[in-house]
Amino acid sequence: MYIIVITMKVIILPQVLDYLDKTVYVLYEKQYFSFMDLSKKYVDKLLCDIEKNLPTKRHKPAPKRFDKYGKGMKYASFKKSKRTVWHAFFKLRIEN
């Protein structure tokens, strides 16, 4: 009998964190949220959702146009409202 344990460690690149920090301000400036702290909470919840649920999310191969960011990427979708879906792009790396 064999037992296989599969785990996924989610590592978020500094560039992604910078992008999400800027997104907080954009969401506030474009008046998606009336208070900066609400905008920050929204982005924090998105990040938490990605970290927690990416390992179990169904993922698909990324379209070829995203090869400029890395070949062989995958993506998973995170629906936040009726109109908003975020896509997390990532690479799977297998280690022994």
PDB file of N, CA and C in Angstrom:
ATOM      1  N   MET A   1       0.850  -1.174   0.000  1.00  0.00           N
ATOM      2  CA  MET A   1       0.000   0.000   0.000  1.00  0.00           C
ATOM      3  C   MET A   1       0.892   1.233   0.000  1.00  0.00           C
ATOM      4  N   TYR A   2       0.545   2.166  -0.853  1.00  0.00           N
ATOM      5  CA  TYR A   2       1.277   3.421  -0.942  1.00  0.00           C
ATOM      6  C   TYR A   2       0.381   4.564  -0.510  1.00  0.00           C
ATOM      7  N   ILE A   3       0.971   5.489   0.203  1.00  0.00           N
ATOM      8  CA  ILE A   3       0.263   6.704   0.576  1.00  0.00           C
ATOM      9  C   ILE A   3       0.986   7.857  -0.102  1.00  0.00           C
ATOM     10  N   ILE A   4       0.244   8.620  -0.859  1.00  0.00           N
ATOM     11  CA  ILE A   4       0.815   9.765  -1.548  1.00  0.00           C
ATOM     12  C   ILE A   4       0.262  11.031  -0.910  1.00  0.00           C
ATOM     13  N   VAL A   5       1.149  11.885  -0.487  1.00  0.00           N
ATOM     14  CA  VAL A   5       0.745  13.153   0.100  1.00  0.00           C
ATOM     15  C   VAL A   5       1.137  14.262  -0.874  1.00  0.00           C
ATOM     16  N   ILE A   6       0.168  15.013  -1.261  1.00  0.00           N
ATOM     17  CA  ILE A   6       0.419  16.111  -2.180  1.00  0.00           C
ATOM     18  C   ILE A   6       0.109  17.408  -1.450  1.00  0.00           C
ATOM     19  N   THR A   7       1.081  18.278  -1.405  1.00  0.00           N
ATOM     20  CA  THR A   7       0.875  19.582  -0.799  1.00  0.00           C
ATOM     21  C   THR A   7       1.337  20.651  -1.779  1.00  0.00           C
ATOM     22  N   MET A   8       0.778  21.798  -1.641  1.00  0.00           N
ATOM     23  CA  MET A   8       1.166  22.917  -2.476  1.00  0.00           C
ATOM     24  C   MET A   8       1.494  24.084  -1.564  1.00  0.00           C
ATOM     25  N   LYS A   9       2.661  24.633  -1.747  1.00  0.00           N
ATOM     26  CA  LYS A   9       3.053  25.817  -1.001  1.00  0.00           C
ATOM     27  C   LYS A   9       2.871  27.013  -1.928  1.00  0.00           C
ATOM     28  N   VAL A  10       2.098  27.968  -1.510  1.00  0.00           N
ATOM     29  CA  VAL A  10       1.834  29.158  -2.320  1.00  0.00           C
ATOM     30  C   VAL A  10       2.847  30.228  -1.928  1.00  0.00           C
ATOM     31  N   ILE A  11       3.645  30.642  -2.901  1.00  0.00           N
ATOM     32  CA  ILE A  11       4.637  31.696  -2.692  1.00  0.00           C
ATOM     33  C   ILE A  11       4.225  32.872  -3.566  1.00  0.00           C
ATOM     34  N   ILE A  12       3.990  33.994  -2.950  1.00  0.00           N
ATOM     35  CA  ILE A  12       3.551  35.183  -3.685  1.00  0.00           C
ATOM     36  C   ILE A  12       4.758  36.089  -3.886  1.00  0.00           C
ATOM     37  N   LEU A  13       5.040  36.380  -5.136  1.00  0.00           N
ATOM     38  CA  LEU A  13       6.204  37.190  -5.484  1.00  0.00           C
ATOM     39  C   LEU A  13       6.039  38.627  -5.011  1.00  0.00           C
ATOM     40  N   PRO A  14       7.157  39.285  -4.684  1.00  0.00           N
ATOM     41  CA  PRO A  14       7.086  40.694  -4.247  1.00  0.00           C
ATOM     42  C   PRO A  14       6.400  41.599  -5.271  1.00  0.00           C
ATOM     43  N   GLN A  15       6.586  41.315  -6.564  1.00  0.00           N
ATOM     44  CA  GLN A  15       5.948  42.129  -7.601  1.00  0.00           C
ATOM     45  C   GLN A  15       4.426  42.033  -7.509  1.00  0.00           C
ATOM     46  N   VAL A  16       3.934  40.872  -7.153  1.00  0.00           N
ATOM     47  CA  VAL A  16       2.488  40.684  -7.013  1.00  0.00           C
ATOM     48  C   VAL A  16       1.977  41.461  -5.808  1.00  0.00           C
ATOM     49  N   LEU A  17       2.723  41.409  -4.721  1.00  0.00           N
ATOM     50  CA  LEU A  17       2.322  42.165  -3.527  1.00  0.00           C
ATOM     51  C   LEU A  17       2.323  43.663  -3.810  1.00  0.00           C
ATOM     52  N   ASP A  18       3.311  44.149  -4.569  1.00  0.00           N
ATOM     53  CA  ASP A  18       3.343  45.564  -4.959  1.00  0.00           C
ATOM     54  C   ASP A  18       2.116  45.917  -5.797  1.00  0.00           C
ATOM     55  N   TYR A  19       1.781  45.039  -6.746  1.00  0.00           N
ATOM     56  CA  TYR A  19       0.617  45.258  -7.601  1.00  0.00           C
ATOM     57  C   TYR A  19      -0.660  45.347  -6.758  1.00  0.00           C
ATOM     58  N   LEU A  20      -0.797  44.441  -5.809  1.00  0.00           N
ATOM     59  CA  LEU A  20      -2.001  44.447  -4.969  1.00  0.00           C
ATOM     60  C   LEU A  20      -2.051  45.672  -4.059  1.00  0.00           C
ATOM     61  N   ASP A  21      -0.887  46.130  -3.587  1.00  0.00           N
ATOM     62  CA  ASP A  21      -0.851  47.370  -2.794  1.00  0.00           C
ATOM     63  C   ASP A  21      -1.348  48.552  -3.624  1.00  0.00           C
ATOM     64  N   LYS A  22      -0.922  48.620  -4.875  1.00  0.00           N
ATOM     65  CA  LYS A  22      -1.382  49.692  -5.766  1.00  0.00           C
ATOM     66  C   LYS A  22      -2.873  49.548  -6.067  1.00  0.00           C
ATOM     67  N   THR A  23      -3.328  48.315  -6.145  1.00  0.00           N
ATOM     68  CA  THR A  23      -4.740  48.060  -6.422  1.00  0.00           C
ATOM     69  C   THR A  23      -5.626  48.633  -5.320  1.00  0.00           C
ATOM     70  N   VAL A  24      -5.161  48.596  -4.079  1.00  0.00           N
ATOM     71  CA  VAL A  24      -5.915  49.180  -2.964  1.00  0.00           C
ATOM     72  C   VAL A  24      -6.236  50.644  -3.269  1.00  0.00           C
ATOM     73  N   TYR A  25      -5.222  51.385  -3.719  1.00  0.00           N
ATOM     74  CA  TYR A  25      -5.404  52.811  -4.007  1.00  0.00           C
ATOM     75  C   TYR A  25      -6.281  53.038  -5.236  1.00  0.00           C
ATOM     76  N   VAL A  26      -6.101  52.217  -6.256  1.00  0.00           N
ATOM     77  CA  VAL A  26      -6.906  52.352  -7.471  1.00  0.00           C
ATOM     78  C   VAL A  26      -8.387  52.120  -7.162  1.00  0.00           C
ATOM     79  N   LEU A  27      -8.669  51.089  -6.387  1.00  0.00           N
ATOM     80  CA  LEU A  27     -10.062  50.795  -6.029  1.00  0.00           C
ATOM     81  C   LEU A  27     -10.692  51.954  -5.258  1.00  0.00           C
ATOM     82  N   TYR A  28      -9.905  52.576  -4.393  1.00  0.00           N
ATOM     83  CA  TYR A  28     -10.406  53.719  -3.626  1.00  0.00           C
ATOM     84  C   TYR A  28     -10.573  54.950  -4.524  1.00  0.00           C
ATOM     85  N   GLU A  29      -9.553  55.256  -5.328  1.00  0.00           N
ATOM     86  CA  GLU A  29      -9.593  56.436  -6.195  1.00  0.00           C
ATOM     87  C   GLU A  29     -10.712  56.361  -7.232  1.00  0.00           C
ATOM     88  N   LYS A  30     -10.980  55.155  -7.735  1.00  0.00           N
ATOM     89  CA  LYS A  30     -12.039  54.972  -8.736  1.00  0.00           C
ATOM     90  C   LYS A  30     -13.405  54.819  -8.064  1.00  0.00           C
ATOM     91  N   GLN A  31     -13.424  54.971  -6.747  1.00  0.00           N
ATOM     92  CA  GLN A  31     -14.630  54.959  -5.932  1.00  0.00           C
ATOM     93  C   GLN A  31     -15.388  53.631  -5.955  1.00  0.00           C
ATOM     94  N   TYR A  32     -14.627  52.529  -6.089  1.00  0.00           N
ATOM     95  CA  TYR A  32     -15.254  51.219  -5.900  1.00  0.00           C
ATOM     96  C   TYR A  32     -15.561  51.023  -4.421  1.00  0.00           C
ATOM     97  N   PHE A  33     -14.736  51.672  -3.584  1.00  0.00           N
ATOM     98  CA  PHE A  33     -14.951  51.658  -2.133  1.00  0.00           C
ATOM     99  C   PHE A  33     -14.880  53.089  -1.633  1.00  0.00           C
ATOM    100  N   SER A  34     -15.756  53.424  -0.689  1.00  0.00           N
ATOM    101  CA  SER A  34     -15.802  54.795  -0.206  1.00  0.00           C
ATOM    102  C   SER A  34     -14.773  55.095   0.884  1.00  0.00           C
ATOM    103  N   PHE A  35     -14.169  54.044   1.439  1.00  0.00           N
ATOM    104  CA  PHE A  35     -13.150  54.226   2.468  1.00  0.00           C
ATOM    105  C   PHE A  35     -11.934  53.373   2.122  1.00  0.00           C
ATOM    106  N   MET A  36     -10.775  53.927   2.390  1.00  0.00           N
ATOM    107  CA  MET A  36      -9.527  53.230   2.084  1.00  0.00           C
ATOM    108  C   MET A  36      -9.429  51.900   2.826  1.00  0.00           C
ATOM    109  N   ASP A  37      -9.885  51.869   4.081  1.00  0.00           N
ATOM    110  CA  ASP A  37      -9.783  50.622   4.842  1.00  0.00           C
ATOM    111  C   ASP A  37     -10.658  49.512   4.244  1.00  0.00           C
ATOM    112  N   LEU A  38     -11.766  49.875   3.610  1.00  0.00           N
ATOM    113  CA  LEU A  38     -12.600  48.864   2.943  1.00  0.00           C
ATOM    114  C   LEU A  38     -11.902  48.315   1.705  1.00  0.00           C
ATOM    115  N   SER A  39     -11.229  49.188   1.000  1.00  0.00           N
ATOM    116  CA  SER A  39     -10.459  48.764  -0.163  1.00  0.00           C
ATOM    117  C   SER A  39      -9.337  47.817   0.265  1.00  0.00           C
ATOM    118  N   LYS A  40      -8.669  48.164   1.351  1.00  0.00           N
ATOM    119  CA  LYS A  40      -7.580  47.322   1.878  1.00  0.00           C
ATOM    120  C   LYS A  40      -8.120  45.957   2.315  1.00  0.00           C
ATOM    121  N   LYS A  41      -9.262  45.944   2.987  1.00  0.00           N
ATOM    122  CA  LYS A  41      -9.874  44.684   3.424  1.00  0.00           C
ATOM    123  C   LYS A  41     -10.210  43.789   2.242  1.00  0.00           C
ATOM    124  N   TYR A  42     -10.731  44.392   1.172  1.00  0.00           N
ATOM    125  CA  TYR A  42     -11.089  43.643  -0.032  1.00  0.00           C
ATOM    126  C   TYR A  42      -9.854  42.944  -0.605  1.00  0.00           C
ATOM    127  N   VAL A  43      -8.764  43.687  -0.751  1.00  0.00           N
ATOM    128  CA  VAL A  43      -7.541  43.119  -1.320  1.00  0.00           C
ATOM    129  C   VAL A  43      -6.943  42.082  -0.368  1.00  0.00           C
ATOM    130  N   ASP A  44      -6.991  42.338   0.926  1.00  0.00           N
ATOM    131  CA  ASP A  44      -6.488  41.362   1.904  1.00  0.00           C
ATOM    132  C   ASP A  44      -7.281  40.053   1.836  1.00  0.00           C
ATOM    133  N   LYS A  45      -8.599  40.159   1.702  1.00  0.00           N
ATOM    134  CA  LYS A  45      -9.431  38.959   1.589  1.00  0.00           C
ATOM    135  C   LYS A  45      -9.136  38.195   0.307  1.00  0.00           C
ATOM    136  N   LEU A  46      -8.895  38.925  -0.780  1.00  0.00           N
ATOM    137  CA  LEU A  46      -8.530  38.288  -2.040  1.00  0.00           C
ATOM    138  C   LEU A  46      -7.220  37.519  -1.883  1.00  0.00           C
ATOM    139  N   LEU A  47      -6.244  38.147  -1.301  1.00  0.00           N
ATOM    140  CA  LEU A  47      -4.940  37.515  -1.088  1.00  0.00           C
ATOM    141  C   LEU A  47      -5.060  36.292  -0.182  1.00  0.00           C
ATOM    142  N   CYS A  48      -5.828  36.404   0.869  1.00  0.00           N
ATOM    143  CA  CYS A  48      -6.058  35.283   1.782  1.00  0.00           C
ATOM    144  C   CYS A  48      -6.749  34.131   1.059  1.00  0.00           C
ATOM    145  N   ASP A  49      -7.734  34.451   0.235  1.00  0.00           N
ATOM    146  CA  ASP A  49      -8.455  33.446  -0.537  1.00  0.00           C
ATOM    147  C   ASP A  49      -7.499  32.702  -1.471  1.00  0.00           C
ATOM    148  N   ILE A  50      -6.634  33.438  -2.135  1.00  0.00           N
ATOM    149  CA  ILE A  50      -5.672  32.813  -3.042  1.00  0.00           C
ATOM    150  C   ILE A  50      -4.723  31.901  -2.274  1.00  0.00           C
ATOM    151  N   GLU A  51      -4.158  32.402  -1.183  1.00  0.00           N
ATOM    152  CA  GLU A  51      -3.217  31.602  -0.390  1.00  0.00           C
ATOM    153  C   GLU A  51      -3.869  30.330   0.148  1.00  0.00           C
ATOM    154  N   LYS A  52      -5.096  30.447   0.606  1.00  0.00           N
ATOM    155  CA  LYS A  52      -5.767  29.318   1.240  1.00  0.00           C
ATOM    156  C   LYS A  52      -6.323  28.318   0.225  1.00  0.00           C
ATOM    157  N   ASN A  53      -6.899  28.821  -0.861  1.00  0.00           N
ATOM    158  CA  ASN A  53      -7.665  27.952  -1.756  1.00  0.00           C
ATOM    159  C   ASN A  53      -7.003  27.596  -3.083  1.00  0.00           C
ATOM    160  N   LEU A  54      -5.909  28.245  -3.424  1.00  0.00           N
ATOM    161  CA  LEU A  54      -5.255  27.919  -4.693  1.00  0.00           C
ATOM    162  C   LEU A  54      -4.896  26.437  -4.806  1.00  0.00           C
ATOM    163  N   PRO A  55      -4.395  25.809  -3.740  1.00  0.00           N
ATOM    164  CA  PRO A  55      -4.045  24.386  -3.875  1.00  0.00           C
ATOM    165  C   PRO A  55      -5.205  23.474  -4.266  1.00  0.00           C
ATOM    166  N   THR A  56      -6.423  23.855  -3.934  1.00  0.00           N
ATOM    167  CA  THR A  56      -7.564  22.981  -4.234  1.00  0.00           C
ATOM    168  C   THR A  56      -8.409  23.475  -5.403  1.00  0.00           C
ATOM    169  N   LYS A  57      -8.063  24.647  -5.931  1.00  0.00           N
ATOM    170  CA  LYS A  57      -8.831  25.202  -7.051  1.00  0.00           C
ATOM    171  C   LYS A  57      -8.547  24.441  -8.340  1.00  0.00           C
ATOM    172  N   ARG A  58      -9.564  24.327  -9.146  1.00  0.00           N
ATOM    173  CA  ARG A  58      -9.393  23.762 -10.477  1.00  0.00           C
ATOM    174  C   ARG A  58      -8.576  24.777 -11.289  1.00  0.00           C
ATOM    175  N   HIS A  59      -7.553  24.289 -11.986  1.00  0.00           N
ATOM    176  CA  HIS A  59      -6.738  25.210 -12.768  1.00  0.00           C
ATOM    177  C   HIS A  59      -6.621  24.741 -14.212  1.00  0.00           C
ATOM    178  N   LYS A  60      -6.297  25.701 -15.067  1.00  0.00           N
ATOM    179  CA  LYS A  60      -6.197  25.458 -16.500  1.00  0.00           C
ATOM    180  C   LYS A  60      -4.864  25.992 -17.003  1.00  0.00           C
ATOM    181  N   PRO A  61      -4.421  25.499 -18.154  1.00  0.00           N
ATOM    182  CA  PRO A  61      -3.210  26.083 -18.756  1.00  0.00           C
ATOM    183  C   PRO A  61      -3.479  27.545 -19.140  1.00  0.00           C
ATOM    184  N   ALA A  62      -2.508  28.398 -18.884  1.00  0.00           N
ATOM    185  CA  ALA A  62      -2.647  29.811 -19.253  1.00  0.00           C
ATOM    186  C   ALA A  62      -2.548  29.959 -20.766  1.00  0.00           C
ATOM    187  N   PRO A  63      -3.294  30.904 -21.336  1.00  0.00           N
ATOM    188  CA  PRO A  63      -3.182  31.152 -22.775  1.00  0.00           C
ATOM    189  C   PRO A  63      -1.744  31.510 -23.166  1.00  0.00           C
ATOM    190  N   LYS A  64      -1.377  31.228 -24.402  1.00  0.00           N
ATOM    191  CA  LYS A  64      -0.007  31.449 -24.891  1.00  0.00           C
ATOM    192  C   LYS A  64       0.461  32.885 -24.718  1.00  0.00           C
ATOM    193  N   ARG A  65      -0.456  33.857 -24.762  1.00  0.00           N
ATOM    194  CA  ARG A  65      -0.042  35.261 -24.645  1.00  0.00           C
ATOM    195  C   ARG A  65       0.615  35.575 -23.299  1.00  0.00           C
ATOM    196  N   PHE A  66       0.435  34.680 -22.328  1.00  0.00           N
ATOM    197  CA  PHE A  66       1.047  34.883 -21.015  1.00  0.00           C
ATOM    198  C   PHE A  66       2.430  34.228 -20.907  1.00  0.00           C
ATOM    199  N   ASP A  67       2.898  33.612 -21.986  1.00  0.00           N
ATOM    200  CA  ASP A  67       4.227  32.994 -21.983  1.00  0.00           C
ATOM    201  C   ASP A  67       5.341  34.001 -21.713  1.00  0.00           C
ATOM    202  N   LYS A  68       5.079  35.276 -21.969  1.00  0.00           N
ATOM    203  CA  LYS A  68       6.110  36.285 -21.706  1.00  0.00           C
ATOM    204  C   LYS A  68       6.413  36.397 -20.208  1.00  0.00           C
ATOM    205  N   TYR A  69       5.518  35.912 -19.370  1.00  0.00           N
ATOM    206  CA  TYR A  69       5.736  35.921 -17.924  1.00  0.00           C
ATOM    207  C   TYR A  69       6.315  34.604 -17.423  1.00  0.00           C
ATOM    208  N   GLY A  70       6.343  33.615 -18.276  1.00  0.00           N
ATOM    209  CA  GLY A  70       6.870  32.304 -17.923  1.00  0.00           C
ATOM    210  C   GLY A  70       6.140  31.226 -18.696  1.00  0.00           C
ATOM    211  N   LYS A  71       6.873  30.303 -19.214  1.00  0.00           N
ATOM    212  CA  LYS A  71       6.266  29.223 -20.000  1.00  0.00           C
ATOM    213  C   LYS A  71       5.669  28.175 -19.070  1.00  0.00           C
ATOM    214  N   GLY A  72       4.600  27.555 -19.556  1.00  0.00           N
ATOM    215  CA  GLY A  72       3.977  26.476 -18.796  1.00  0.00           C
ATOM    216  C   GLY A  72       3.181  26.921 -17.592  1.00  0.00           C
ATOM    217  N   MET A  73       2.672  28.157 -17.637  1.00  0.00           N
ATOM    218  CA  MET A  73       1.916  28.654 -16.496  1.00  0.00           C
ATOM    219  C   MET A  73       0.497  28.097 -16.492  1.00  0.00           C
ATOM    220  N   LYS A  74      -0.090  28.102 -15.337  1.00  0.00           N
ATOM    221  CA  LYS A  74      -1.481  27.700 -15.113  1.00  0.00           C
ATOM    222  C   LYS A  74      -2.209  28.901 -14.515  1.00  0.00           C
ATOM    223  N   TYR A  75      -3.539  28.815 -14.481  1.00  0.00           N
ATOM    224  CA  TYR A  75      -4.284  29.848 -13.779  1.00  0.00           C
ATOM    225  C   TYR A  75      -5.539  29.267 -13.148  1.00  0.00           C
ATOM    226  N   ALA A  76      -5.979  29.932 -12.096  1.00  0.00           N
ATOM    227  CA  ALA A  76      -7.212  29.578 -11.401  1.00  0.00           C
ATOM    228  C   ALA A  76      -8.011  30.861 -11.219  1.00  0.00           C
ATOM    229  N   SER A  77      -9.321  30.735 -11.191  1.00  0.00           N
ATOM    230  CA  SER A  77     -10.201  31.901 -11.078  1.00  0.00           C
ATOM    231  C   SER A  77     -10.787  32.006  -9.677  1.00  0.00           C
ATOM    232  N   PHE A  78     -10.919  33.256  -9.230  1.00  0.00           N
ATOM    233  CA  PHE A  78     -11.484  33.553  -7.920  1.00  0.00           C
ATOM    234  C   PHE A  78     -12.598  34.579  -8.107  1.00  0.00           C
ATOM    235  N   LYS A  79     -13.830  34.119  -7.998  1.00  0.00           N
ATOM    236  CA  LYS A  79     -14.984  34.996  -8.198  1.00  0.00           C
ATOM    237  C   LYS A  79     -15.263  35.765  -6.909  1.00  0.00           C
ATOM    238  N   LYS A  80     -15.311  37.096  -7.035  1.00  0.00           N
ATOM    239  CA  LYS A  80     -15.530  37.939  -5.861  1.00  0.00           C
ATOM    240  C   LYS A  80     -16.910  38.577  -5.836  1.00  0.00           C
ATOM    241  N   SER A  81     -17.559  38.658  -6.983  1.00  0.00           N
ATOM    242  CA  SER A  81     -18.922  39.191  -7.046  1.00  0.00           C
ATOM    243  C   SER A  81     -19.528  38.736  -8.372  1.00  0.00           C
ATOM    244  N   LYS A  82     -20.755  39.183  -8.640  1.00  0.00           N
ATOM    245  CA  LYS A  82     -21.405  38.811  -9.895  1.00  0.00           C
ATOM    246  C   LYS A  82     -20.620  39.314 -11.103  1.00  0.00           C
ATOM    247  N   ARG A  83     -19.911  40.418 -10.931  1.00  0.00           N
ATOM    248  CA  ARG A  83     -19.203  41.053 -12.045  1.00  0.00           C
ATOM    249  C   ARG A  83     -17.686  40.926 -11.987  1.00  0.00           C
ATOM    250  N   THR A  84     -17.141  40.449 -10.898  1.00  0.00           N
ATOM    251  CA  THR A  84     -15.695  40.484 -10.725  1.00  0.00           C
ATOM    252  C   THR A  84     -15.107  39.098 -10.513  1.00  0.00           C
ATOM    253  N   VAL A  85     -14.158  38.761 -11.369  1.00  0.00           N
ATOM    254  CA  VAL A  85     -13.405  37.510 -11.244  1.00  0.00           C
ATOM    255  C   VAL A  85     -11.932  37.855 -11.356  1.00  0.00           C
ATOM    256  N   TRP A  86     -11.147  37.408 -10.410  1.00  0.00           N
ATOM    257  CA  TRP A  86      -9.701  37.574 -10.442  1.00  0.00           C
ATOM    258  C   TRP A  86      -9.085  36.258 -10.900  1.00  0.00           C
ATOM    259  N   HIS A  87      -8.007  36.358 -11.651  1.00  0.00           N
ATOM    260  CA  HIS A  87      -7.301  35.170 -12.117  1.00  0.00           C
ATOM    261  C   HIS A  87      -5.902  35.172 -11.526  1.00  0.00           C
ATOM    262  N   ALA A  88      -5.537  34.085 -10.881  1.00  0.00           N
ATOM    263  CA  ALA A  88      -4.200  33.924 -10.312  1.00  0.00           C
ATOM    264  C   ALA A  88      -3.394  33.027 -11.246  1.00  0.00           C
ATOM    265  N   PHE A  89      -2.289  33.546 -11.746  1.00  0.00           N
ATOM    266  CA  PHE A  89      -1.406  32.795 -12.631  1.00  0.00           C
ATOM    267  C   PHE A  89      -0.247  32.259 -11.816  1.00  0.00           C
ATOM    268  N   PHE A  90       0.133  31.017 -12.099  1.00  0.00           N
ATOM    269  CA  PHE A  90       1.182  30.401 -11.295  1.00  0.00           C
ATOM    270  C   PHE A  90       1.874  29.296 -12.071  1.00  0.00           C
ATOM    271  N   LYS A  91       2.999  28.878 -11.514  1.00  0.00           N
ATOM    272  CA  LYS A  91       3.741  27.742 -12.061  1.00  0.00           C
ATOM    273  C   LYS A  91       3.783  26.661 -10.994  1.00  0.00           C
ATOM    274  N   LEU A  92       3.644  25.453 -11.422  1.00  0.00           N
ATOM    275  CA  LEU A  92       3.783  24.317 -10.511  1.00  0.00           C
ATOM    276  C   LEU A  92       5.243  23.859 -10.554  1.00  0.00           C
ATOM    277  N   ARG A  93       5.820  23.681  -9.403  1.00  0.00           N
ATOM    278  CA  ARG A  93       7.183  23.188  -9.315  1.00  0.00           C
ATOM    279  C   ARG A  93       7.153  21.958  -8.427  1.00  0.00           C
ATOM    280  N   ILE A  94       7.616  20.855  -8.985  1.00  0.00           N
ATOM    281  CA  ILE A  94       7.605  19.595  -8.236  1.00  0.00           C
ATOM    282  C   ILE A  94       8.968  19.390  -7.604  1.00  0.00           C
ATOM    283  N   GLU A  95       8.951  19.135  -6.307  1.00  0.00           N
ATOM    284  CA  GLU A  95      10.176  18.865  -5.561  1.00  0.00           C
ATOM    285  C   GLU A  95      10.054  17.537  -4.866  1.00  0.00           C
ATOM    286  N   ASN A  96      11.143  16.840  -4.747  1.00  0.00           N
ATOM    287  CA  ASN A  96      11.163  15.551  -4.026  1.00  0.00           C
ATOM    288  C   ASN A  96      11.429  15.778  -2.566  1.00  0.00           C
TER     289      ASN A  96
END
